[in-house]
Protein backbone atom coordinates (compact mmCIF):
# COMPACT_ATOMS: atom_id res chain seq x y z
CA MET A 1 8.22 -57.16 31.93
CA ASN A 2 4.44 -57.51 31.83
CA GLU A 3 1.66 -55.09 32.42
CA SER A 4 1.57 -55.94 36.13
CA SER A 5 4.61 -53.73 36.66
CA TRP A 6 2.57 -50.60 35.70
CA GLY A 7 1.93 -48.80 38.93
CA ALA A 8 3.75 -51.28 41.25
CA PRO A 9 4.41 -49.72 44.69
CA PRO A 10 8.01 -49.64 45.84
CA GLY A 11 9.05 -52.72 47.80
CA VAL A 12 6.05 -54.91 46.84
CA GLY A 13 6.97 -58.30 45.34
CA ARG A 14 5.03 -60.54 43.03
CA ALA A 15 2.77 -61.57 45.85
CA GLY A 16 1.59 -58.01 46.10
CA GLN A 17 0.95 -57.53 42.43
CA TRP A 18 -2.26 -55.92 41.43
CA GLY A 19 -4.67 -57.83 39.27
CA PRO A 20 -7.70 -56.71 37.45
CA PRO A 21 -9.93 -54.19 39.18
CA ASP A 22 -12.42 -56.85 40.25
CA GLN A 23 -9.81 -59.20 41.72
CA GLY A 24 -7.44 -57.06 43.76
CA PRO A 25 -3.86 -58.28 44.45
CA VAL A 26 -2.87 -61.64 43.03
CA GLY A 27 -0.36 -64.10 44.31
CA THR A 28 2.61 -65.62 42.71
CA ALA A 29 0.68 -68.53 41.31
CA GLY A 30 -1.01 -68.25 37.93
CA PRO A 31 -0.69 -65.68 35.26
CA ALA A 32 -0.80 -62.09 36.28
CA HIS A 33 -3.36 -61.13 33.65
CA ASP A 34 -5.23 -64.16 32.49
CA TRP A 35 -8.20 -61.84 32.05
CA GLY A 36 -6.56 -59.71 29.34
CA ALA A 37 -4.26 -59.93 26.41
CA ALA A 38 -1.04 -61.93 26.23
CA ALA A 39 1.98 -60.78 28.24
CA GLN A 40 4.36 -58.37 26.65
CA THR A 41 7.64 -59.85 25.47
CA ARG A 42 9.59 -56.59 25.17
CA PRO A 43 10.50 -54.20 27.94
CA MET A 44 8.34 -51.12 28.38
CA PRO A 45 9.93 -47.76 29.17
CA ILE A 46 9.03 -46.27 32.51
CA VAL A 47 9.22 -42.48 32.29
CA PRO A 48 8.62 -40.52 35.49
CA ASP A 49 5.82 -38.04 35.18
CA THR A 50 7.02 -34.47 35.61
CA GLY A 51 3.83 -32.71 34.57
CA GLY A 52 0.21 -32.66 35.57
CA HIS A 53 -2.08 -35.66 35.25
CA GLN A 54 -4.72 -35.93 32.60
CA ASP A 55 -7.62 -38.31 32.43
CA ASP A 56 -6.54 -39.79 29.12
CA ASP A 57 -3.31 -41.17 30.75
CA ARG A 58 -5.24 -43.44 33.13
CA ASN A 59 -3.79 -46.95 33.72
CA PRO A 60 -6.37 -49.59 32.70
CA LEU A 61 -5.16 -51.73 35.68
CA ASP A 62 -5.98 -49.01 38.20
CA ASP A 63 -9.53 -48.36 39.26
CA ASP A 64 -8.64 -45.21 41.09
CA ARG A 65 -6.06 -42.71 39.75
CA ASP A 66 -5.68 -41.08 43.15
CA HIS A 67 -4.91 -44.44 44.75
CA ARG A 68 -2.17 -45.02 42.16
CA ASP A 69 -0.64 -41.64 42.84
CA ASP A 70 -0.62 -42.35 46.57
CA LEU A 71 1.42 -45.48 45.92
CA GLY A 72 4.00 -43.40 44.03
CA ALA A 73 3.50 -45.20 40.72
CA ALA A 74 5.33 -44.10 37.63
CA ARG A 75 3.31 -43.38 34.52
CA PRO A 76 4.38 -44.26 31.01
CA SER A 77 4.42 -41.50 28.47
CA GLY A 78 5.39 -41.25 24.80
CA PRO A 79 5.38 -44.28 22.47
CA LEU A 80 4.71 -47.70 23.99
CA PHE A 81 7.96 -49.16 22.65
CA ARG A 82 11.24 -47.51 21.77
CA ASP A 83 11.12 -48.67 18.16
CA GLU A 84 7.62 -47.38 17.60
CA GLN A 85 7.19 -44.27 15.45
CA PRO A 86 4.32 -41.83 15.86
CA GLN A 87 1.67 -42.51 13.28
CA GLU A 88 0.69 -39.91 10.74
CA PRO A 89 -2.91 -38.71 10.97
CA MET A 90 -5.21 -40.42 8.54
CA PRO A 91 -6.64 -38.21 5.78
CA THR A 92 -10.21 -37.20 6.36
CA SER A 93 -11.23 -38.25 2.85
CA MET A 94 -9.70 -40.87 0.64
CA PRO A 95 -9.27 -40.14 -3.07
CA GLY A 96 -11.49 -42.14 -5.36
CA PRO A 97 -10.19 -44.69 -7.83
CA ASP A 98 -10.59 -42.29 -10.73
CA SER A 99 -9.01 -39.28 -9.01
CA SER A 100 -5.82 -37.94 -10.52
CA PRO A 101 -3.98 -34.58 -10.39
CA GLN A 102 -5.79 -32.12 -12.57
CA PRO A 103 -3.68 -29.94 -14.87
CA PRO A 104 -3.88 -26.21 -14.09
CA LYS A 105 -6.49 -24.40 -16.08
CA PRO A 106 -5.03 -22.06 -18.71
CA GLN A 107 -5.30 -18.47 -17.61
CA LYS A 108 -6.87 -15.89 -19.83
CA LYS A 109 -4.39 -13.52 -21.41
CA SER A 110 -4.81 -10.13 -19.81
CA ALA A 111 -4.39 -6.85 -21.61
CA GLY A 112 -2.34 -5.54 -18.68
CA ARG A 113 -4.21 -2.28 -18.09
CA ASN A 114 -7.68 -0.86 -17.57
CA LEU A 115 -8.86 -0.64 -21.15
CA ARG A 116 -12.11 1.09 -20.31
CA ALA A 117 -10.36 3.90 -18.46
CA ALA A 118 -7.64 4.10 -21.12
CA ILE A 119 -10.18 4.43 -23.93
CA GLY A 120 -12.19 7.03 -22.02
CA VAL A 121 -9.13 9.16 -21.29
CA GLY A 122 -7.92 8.77 -24.89
CA VAL A 123 -11.25 9.95 -26.29
CA GLY A 124 -11.25 12.96 -23.95
CA LEU A 125 -7.72 13.96 -24.89
CA GLY A 126 -8.53 13.52 -28.57
CA ALA A 127 -11.51 15.84 -28.30
CA VAL A 128 -9.42 18.56 -26.62
CA ILE A 129 -6.65 18.22 -29.22
CA LEU A 130 -8.97 18.32 -32.23
CA PHE A 131 -10.92 21.30 -30.90
CA SER A 132 -7.83 23.39 -30.14
CA LEU A 133 -6.05 22.26 -33.31
CA PHE A 134 -8.71 23.24 -35.83
CA VAL A 135 -10.48 26.10 -34.07
CA TYR A 136 -7.54 28.34 -33.12
CA LYS A 137 -3.91 27.37 -33.67
CA PRO A 138 -2.44 29.42 -30.79
CA LEU A 139 -4.82 27.54 -28.50
CA PHE A 140 -3.09 24.30 -29.46
CA VAL A 141 0.24 25.93 -28.65
CA GLY A 142 -1.14 26.39 -25.15
CA VAL A 143 -2.01 22.67 -25.05
CA ILE A 144 1.60 21.85 -25.94
CA VAL A 145 2.88 24.16 -23.20
CA ILE A 146 0.63 22.54 -20.58
CA ALA A 147 1.78 19.06 -21.61
CA VAL A 148 5.43 20.17 -21.44
CA VAL A 149 5.16 21.74 -17.98
CA VAL A 150 3.30 18.75 -16.52
CA GLY A 151 5.78 16.36 -18.13
CA LEU A 152 8.70 18.29 -16.64
CA TRP A 153 7.05 18.21 -13.22
CA GLU A 154 6.60 14.44 -13.41
CA LEU A 155 10.16 13.82 -14.59
CA THR A 156 11.84 16.11 -12.04
CA SER A 157 9.67 14.75 -9.22
CA ARG A 158 10.63 11.16 -9.99
CA LEU A 159 14.32 12.10 -10.23
CA ALA A 160 14.16 13.73 -6.80
CA GLU A 161 12.22 10.87 -5.21
CA ARG A 162 14.20 7.96 -6.59
CA LYS A 163 17.70 9.35 -7.13
CA ASP A 164 17.77 12.48 -4.97
CA ILE A 165 18.62 14.53 -8.08
CA LYS A 166 17.60 18.17 -7.61
CA VAL A 167 16.57 19.51 -11.00
CA PRO A 168 15.38 23.16 -10.91
CA LEU A 169 11.79 23.02 -12.16
CA VAL A 170 11.10 26.77 -12.33
CA PRO A 171 13.73 27.71 -14.95
CA LEU A 172 12.90 24.56 -16.92
CA ALA A 173 9.18 25.34 -16.98
CA LEU A 174 9.75 28.97 -18.00
CA GLY A 175 12.40 28.03 -20.55
CA GLY A 176 10.25 25.19 -21.93
CA THR A 177 7.36 27.57 -22.48
CA ALA A 178 9.71 29.98 -24.25
CA MET A 179 11.01 27.15 -26.47
CA VAL A 180 7.55 26.13 -27.65
CA VAL A 181 6.43 29.70 -28.35
CA ALA A 182 9.73 30.58 -30.06
CA GLY A 183 9.52 27.48 -32.24
CA TYR A 184 6.01 28.40 -33.35
CA VAL A 185 6.88 32.05 -34.01
CA ARG A 186 10.53 31.96 -35.14
CA GLY A 187 11.05 28.36 -36.24
CA ALA A 188 14.12 26.24 -35.52
CA GLU A 189 16.39 29.24 -34.94
CA GLY A 190 14.16 30.57 -32.16
CA ALA A 191 13.89 27.10 -30.59
CA TRP A 192 17.67 26.66 -30.41
CA VAL A 193 18.20 30.09 -28.83
CA ALA A 194 15.53 29.38 -26.20
CA MET A 195 17.12 25.99 -25.48
CA ALA A 196 20.53 27.53 -24.87
CA LEU A 197 19.10 30.19 -22.55
CA THR A 198 17.14 27.54 -20.62
CA ALA A 199 20.27 25.44 -20.05
CA LEU A 200 22.14 28.54 -18.83
CA ALA A 201 19.28 29.43 -16.47
CA ALA A 202 19.34 25.92 -15.01
CA LEU A 203 23.07 26.19 -14.30
CA VAL A 204 22.70 29.58 -12.59
CA TRP A 205 19.60 28.55 -10.60
CA ARG A 206 21.38 25.55 -9.11
CA MET A 207 24.19 27.80 -7.84
CA THR A 208 21.94 29.05 -5.05
CA GLU A 209 22.30 25.70 -3.24
CA ALA A 210 25.23 23.74 -1.84
CA PRO A 211 27.92 22.76 -4.35
CA GLU A 212 27.65 19.02 -3.60
CA ASN A 213 26.32 17.10 -6.62
CA TYR A 214 26.15 20.31 -8.67
CA LEU A 215 27.44 18.67 -11.85
CA ARG A 216 25.00 15.78 -11.50
CA ASP A 217 22.00 18.06 -10.97
CA VAL A 218 22.72 20.50 -13.80
CA THR A 219 23.43 17.63 -16.19
CA ALA A 220 20.04 16.16 -15.37
CA GLY A 221 18.50 19.60 -15.82
CA VAL A 222 19.95 20.07 -19.31
CA PHE A 223 18.81 16.56 -20.22
CA ALA A 224 15.27 17.30 -19.02
CA ALA A 225 15.20 20.58 -20.99
CA PHE A 226 16.20 18.80 -24.18
CA TYR A 227 14.10 15.68 -23.67
CA VAL A 228 10.73 17.31 -22.98
CA PRO A 229 10.31 20.93 -24.17
CA PHE A 230 12.88 21.06 -26.96
CA LEU A 231 11.58 17.92 -28.71
CA ALA A 232 8.01 19.14 -28.23
CA THR A 233 8.97 22.36 -30.00
CA PHE A 234 8.98 20.49 -33.33
CA VAL A 235 5.23 19.94 -32.97
CA ALA A 236 4.77 23.70 -32.72
CA MET A 237 7.00 24.10 -35.79
CA MET A 238 4.75 21.70 -37.74
CA LEU A 239 1.74 23.75 -36.67
CA ALA A 240 3.27 26.95 -38.04
CA ALA A 241 2.89 25.71 -41.66
CA ASP A 242 -0.13 26.73 -43.76
CA ASP A 243 -1.55 23.22 -43.45
CA GLY A 244 -0.19 22.93 -39.92
CA PRO A 245 -3.28 21.34 -38.33
CA GLN A 246 -3.27 18.60 -40.98
CA ARG A 247 0.43 17.95 -40.43
CA VAL A 248 0.04 17.74 -36.67
CA LEU A 249 -3.01 15.50 -37.04
CA THR A 250 -1.10 13.13 -39.32
CA PHE A 251 1.83 13.07 -36.91
CA LEU A 252 -0.46 12.22 -33.98
CA LEU A 253 -2.45 9.64 -35.95
CA LEU A 254 0.63 7.80 -37.16
CA THR A 255 2.16 7.66 -33.69
CA VAL A 256 -1.06 6.45 -32.08
CA VAL A 257 -1.70 3.91 -34.85
CA SER A 258 1.86 2.61 -34.55
CA ASP A 259 1.48 2.22 -30.80
CA THR A 260 -1.92 0.56 -31.23
CA GLY A 261 -0.64 -1.85 -33.87
CA ALA A 262 2.29 -2.88 -31.71
CA TYR A 263 0.01 -3.37 -28.73
CA ALA A 264 -2.68 -5.35 -30.58
CA VAL A 265 -0.39 -7.62 -32.60
CA GLY A 266 2.04 -8.14 -29.75
CA TRP A 267 -0.72 -8.99 -27.29
CA ARG A 268 -2.28 -11.51 -29.68
CA PHE A 269 0.71 -13.06 -31.44
CA GLY A 270 3.79 -11.88 -29.55
CA LYS A 271 6.25 -14.64 -28.62
CA ASN A 272 9.77 -13.37 -29.38
CA LYS A 273 10.99 -10.64 -27.04
CA LEU A 274 12.27 -7.48 -28.67
CA ALA A 275 14.32 -6.09 -25.77
CA PRO A 276 13.71 -8.25 -22.68
CA ARG A 277 16.22 -6.40 -20.48
CA ILE A 278 14.55 -3.05 -21.17
CA SER A 279 10.86 -3.80 -21.75
CA PRO A 280 9.86 -7.47 -21.39
CA GLY A 281 6.38 -6.82 -22.79
CA LYS A 282 7.56 -5.73 -26.22
CA THR A 283 7.92 -8.36 -28.94
CA ARG A 284 9.23 -8.54 -32.48
CA GLU A 285 5.77 -9.42 -33.65
CA GLY A 286 4.53 -6.22 -32.02
CA LEU A 287 7.17 -4.21 -33.87
CA PHE A 288 6.03 -5.79 -37.14
CA GLY A 289 2.46 -4.78 -36.31
CA ALA A 290 3.58 -1.22 -35.58
CA VAL A 291 5.36 -0.92 -38.93
CA LEU A 292 2.46 -2.43 -40.87
CA PHE A 293 -0.21 -0.28 -39.27
CA ALA A 294 1.88 2.90 -39.54
CA MET A 295 2.69 2.31 -43.21
CA VAL A 296 -0.96 1.87 -44.13
CA ALA A 297 -2.00 4.92 -42.10
CA GLY A 298 0.89 6.95 -43.50
CA ALA A 299 -0.01 6.16 -47.12
CA LEU A 300 -3.63 7.16 -46.54
CA CYS A 301 -2.79 10.35 -44.65
CA MET A 302 -0.17 11.62 -47.07
CA GLU A 303 -2.46 10.94 -50.01
CA LEU A 304 -5.69 12.31 -48.54
CA ILE A 305 -4.74 14.88 -45.88
CA ILE A 306 -1.34 16.46 -46.60
CA THR A 307 -1.20 18.98 -49.41
CA ASP A 308 1.01 17.77 -52.32
CA GLY A 309 1.70 14.51 -50.45
CA ALA A 310 2.02 11.09 -52.12
CA TRP A 311 1.18 7.61 -50.89
CA TRP A 312 4.74 6.30 -51.26
CA GLN A 313 5.94 9.14 -49.04
CA GLY A 314 3.43 7.93 -46.48
CA LEU A 315 4.96 4.45 -46.57
CA LEU A 316 8.38 5.84 -45.73
CA LEU A 317 6.88 8.15 -43.13
CA GLY A 318 5.11 5.17 -41.51
CA ILE A 319 8.33 3.16 -41.26
CA ALA A 320 10.16 6.11 -39.70
CA VAL A 321 7.34 6.76 -37.22
CA ALA A 322 7.17 3.09 -36.16
CA ALA A 323 10.93 2.97 -35.58
CA SER A 324 11.19 6.28 -33.70
CA ALA A 325 8.07 5.62 -31.60
CA THR A 326 9.41 2.21 -30.56
CA LEU A 327 12.82 3.66 -29.70
CA GLY A 328 11.18 6.46 -27.75
CA ASP A 329 9.11 3.97 -25.78
CA LEU A 330 12.21 1.89 -25.04
CA GLY A 331 14.12 5.00 -24.03
CA GLU A 332 11.58 5.97 -21.41
CA SER A 333 11.45 2.35 -20.26
CA MET A 334 15.19 2.60 -19.62
CA ILE A 335 14.64 5.72 -17.53
CA LYS A 336 11.84 4.10 -15.54
CA ARG A 337 13.86 0.94 -14.95
CA ASP A 338 16.77 3.02 -13.72
CA LEU A 339 14.42 4.87 -11.38
CA GLY A 340 12.67 1.65 -10.30
CA ILE A 341 9.14 2.78 -11.20
CA LYS A 342 6.38 1.47 -13.44
CA ASP A 343 4.81 4.77 -14.54
CA MET A 344 5.98 8.36 -14.45
CA GLY A 345 2.71 9.47 -12.87
CA THR A 346 -0.93 8.70 -12.22
CA LEU A 347 -2.60 11.72 -13.78
CA LEU A 348 -4.21 9.78 -16.64
CA PRO A 349 -6.14 6.66 -15.52
CA GLY A 350 -5.30 3.67 -17.69
CA HIS A 351 -2.27 5.46 -19.17
CA GLY A 352 -0.10 6.52 -16.24
CA GLY A 353 1.26 10.03 -16.41
CA ILE A 354 1.66 12.63 -19.15
CA MET A 355 5.20 11.43 -19.79
CA ASP A 356 3.90 7.91 -20.34
CA ARG A 357 1.93 9.31 -23.31
CA LEU A 358 4.68 11.60 -24.57
CA ASP A 359 7.36 8.90 -24.64
CA SER A 360 6.57 7.91 -28.25
CA LEU A 361 5.58 11.39 -29.45
CA LEU A 362 8.63 13.36 -28.33
CA PRO A 363 11.38 11.56 -30.33
CA THR A 364 9.05 11.13 -33.29
CA ALA A 365 8.29 14.86 -33.65
CA PRO A 366 11.68 16.02 -35.10
CA ILE A 367 11.79 13.06 -37.53
CA VAL A 368 8.31 13.77 -38.87
CA TRP A 369 9.02 17.50 -39.12
CA LEU A 370 12.20 16.78 -41.09
CA LEU A 371 10.43 14.40 -43.50
CA TYR A 372 7.69 16.97 -44.05
CA VAL A 373 10.33 19.51 -45.00
CA VAL A 374 11.94 17.02 -47.42
CA PHE A 375 8.71 15.78 -48.99
CA VAL A 376 6.43 18.84 -49.17
CA GLY A 377 8.52 21.76 -47.82
CA SER A 378 8.28 23.75 -44.64
CA GLY A 379 4.97 25.36 -45.72
């Protein structure tokens, strides 16, 4: 079939074929398109037009599209031949001879938090602690109580939001305050009595609600009472000694130095994960940094700050602090992973919540208090 069949009216033979626009119909003699390209050797598909006409579908053999439509011509659409494939669009710019895929640029290692805000908040907290610690010891007891109550509020709020666990905050806050004060005034005996009464108050308080999930809620309440206020009571017991401010300062310094050493060494050299299922950011190299920094700080503090202390006692104290602070951090990471949260709160910019700062301090406090008693006495 040649191009003369495009637009042929029904019933018109070869004598009525249409030629080029300037010639009109041609007869049977001579080629049908000696003015154009060679005749096609393969059949062309004729697809009836079911849509509207567009100017870009105009037949080059027709001078007038309306005249073709009046003759009832069929218009081709789609590819010219059945075996033709639609061509891919050409790229707008061709790569040069020297172009090659560039390797991704190495990204800068990020510290993972707002260091400026973290440092600012840390300096502010340090100023408050030092002022209350060395000016008036009962004032520092009040600082401990505030930290305990806020920590309990954060923990119970997250338990309610994420697990629908209803922990009674009021008896825990009152009992936690009593624990801290009793530990400062009466020592370990007073702290244990206050802990027992707080657990009993939590059980009774929960009885005012429906019995569903009672065991779950009171268990979480007893855990919260032990985890936050009872462990914090050992800080108040350190403070009760004659050189209490120095003991508390050493305890805080060692914990902070251990955390800082783990963070700095792990961020710079960390490669081997310490507990990837619990806290993927912690590394064995970071743990080594925590131990090293805490041992050096412990030797200096026990020799220069603590009355009757010795440098070798500081080395042991540093190892114990690094281990307990790391375990405490991992323990709270387990809680946060179970709850599906990153931080316990947002009260401290760059740090998270109060509980995110107490996670290393709380389990470290009873260990440091016990080693003080062994090394230099209860004071």
